[in-house]
Amino acid sequence: VHLLSAIPVVLLPVVGIVEKRLPAIPHLLVRSCMVACITGVAFLIPSFTTVLAVIGACTENLLVIVFPIWMYHSTFGRWRGVKGLFQVGADIVLCVISFTVL
């Protein structure tokens, strides 16, 4: 049930690209086909939950620690002087700690 209700939200960017490239196909048909294909793949793989758990375990630190730091620096830039040195040092320490916990 969760797969059927959450997958349209997860596939929204992909569906948007497909809808732009194929404007003649109705939106409902594109979205329904995407959900049906993903659900079919989930039923064909015997331990789909294990595959999703491995993918989640491999990407957790990137999504929780590394990407927010990266987006913060790309959004607000880097500071000069002692404040910038402290900020970059704190970010490096945070990344090292998060990867050692992994």
Protein backbone atom coordinates (compact mmCIF):
# COMPACT_ATOMS: atom_id res chain seq x y z
CA VAL A 1 0.00 0.00 0.00
CA HIS A 2 2.83 2.39 0.82
CA LEU A 3 4.46 1.80 -2.54
CA LEU A 4 1.28 2.66 -4.42
CA SER A 5 0.68 5.82 -2.41
CA ALA A 6 4.26 7.17 -2.18
CA ILE A 7 5.66 6.36 -5.60
CA PRO A 8 3.72 9.07 -7.50
CA VAL A 9 5.32 11.69 -5.25
CA VAL A 10 8.80 10.21 -5.70
CA LEU A 11 8.39 9.95 -9.47
CA LEU A 12 7.08 13.49 -9.90
CA PRO A 13 10.32 14.91 -11.44
CA VAL A 14 10.63 11.95 -13.83
CA VAL A 15 6.98 12.20 -14.85
CA GLY A 16 7.44 15.93 -15.47
CA ILE A 17 10.30 15.26 -17.89
CA VAL A 18 8.35 12.54 -19.71
CA GLU A 19 5.26 14.75 -19.96
CA LYS A 20 7.31 17.59 -21.49
CA ARG A 21 8.89 15.32 -24.06
CA LEU A 22 5.64 13.53 -24.95
CA PRO A 23 2.93 16.22 -24.76
CA ALA A 24 0.43 14.23 -26.87
CA ILE A 25 0.04 11.49 -24.23
CA PRO A 26 -2.44 12.30 -21.44
CA HIS A 27 -0.91 13.00 -18.02
CA LEU A 28 -3.00 10.38 -16.24
CA LEU A 29 -1.83 7.68 -18.65
CA VAL A 30 1.86 8.58 -18.18
CA ARG A 31 1.58 8.58 -14.39
CA SER A 32 -0.42 5.34 -14.30
CA CYS A 33 2.09 3.58 -16.55
CA MET A 34 5.00 4.73 -14.38
CA VAL A 35 3.35 3.47 -11.21
CA ALA A 36 2.43 0.17 -12.87
CA CYS A 37 6.00 -0.37 -14.12
CA ILE A 38 7.59 0.36 -10.75
CA THR A 39 5.05 -1.83 -8.96
CA GLY A 40 5.74 -4.63 -11.44
CA VAL A 41 9.49 -4.38 -10.80
CA ALA A 42 8.83 -4.48 -7.06
CA PHE A 43 6.79 -7.67 -7.41
CA LEU A 44 9.37 -9.32 -9.71
CA ILE A 45 12.32 -8.80 -7.35
CA PRO A 46 11.92 -11.38 -4.56
CA SER A 47 13.39 -9.26 -1.76
CA PHE A 48 12.63 -5.74 -2.91
CA THR A 49 12.62 -4.40 0.64
CA THR A 50 16.21 -5.59 1.10
CA VAL A 51 17.25 -3.82 -2.10
CA LEU A 52 15.60 -0.61 -0.89
CA ALA A 53 17.25 -1.00 2.54
CA VAL A 54 20.72 -1.33 0.95
CA ILE A 55 20.12 1.71 -1.26
CA GLY A 56 18.92 3.71 1.73
CA ALA A 57 21.87 2.63 3.87
CA CYS A 58 24.36 3.62 1.16
CA THR A 59 22.87 7.08 0.61
CA GLU A 60 21.84 8.08 4.14
CA ASN A 61 24.98 9.99 5.10
CA LEU A 62 25.04 11.81 1.79
CA LEU A 63 21.44 12.95 2.14
CA VAL A 64 21.59 13.80 5.83
CA ILE A 65 25.10 15.23 6.28
CA VAL A 66 27.02 15.93 3.08
CA PHE A 67 24.37 17.41 0.77
CA PRO A 68 23.01 19.93 3.32
CA ILE A 69 26.54 21.19 4.00
CA TRP A 70 27.26 21.39 0.28
CA MET A 71 24.00 23.25 -0.42
CA TYR A 72 24.65 25.61 2.48
CA HIS A 73 28.05 26.56 1.06
CA SER A 74 26.74 26.88 -2.47
CA THR A 75 23.84 29.06 -1.30
CA PHE A 76 25.56 31.36 1.19
CA GLY A 77 29.14 31.22 -0.04
CA ARG A 78 32.21 30.99 2.08
CA TRP A 79 33.37 33.47 4.66
CA ARG A 80 36.86 34.88 4.89
CA GLY A 81 39.04 35.03 7.92
CA VAL A 82 38.66 33.20 11.20
CA LYS A 83 34.90 32.71 10.84
CA GLY A 84 35.32 31.02 7.46
CA LEU A 85 38.15 28.84 8.74
CA PHE A 86 36.05 27.79 11.72
CA GLN A 87 33.02 27.07 9.53
CA VAL A 88 34.94 24.91 7.04
CA GLY A 89 36.75 23.12 9.87
CA ALA A 90 33.48 22.37 11.65
CA ASP A 91 31.98 21.05 8.42
CA ILE A 92 34.97 18.78 7.80
CA VAL A 93 34.81 17.43 11.37
CA LEU A 94 31.07 16.81 10.99
CA CYS A 95 31.61 14.91 7.72
CA VAL A 96 34.43 12.81 9.21
CA ILE A 97 32.34 11.92 12.26
CA SER A 98 29.35 10.99 10.13
CA PHE A 99 31.42 8.74 7.87
CA THR A 100 33.09 7.00 10.82
CA VAL A 101 29.66 6.22 12.25
CA LEU A 102 28.66 4.69 8.92
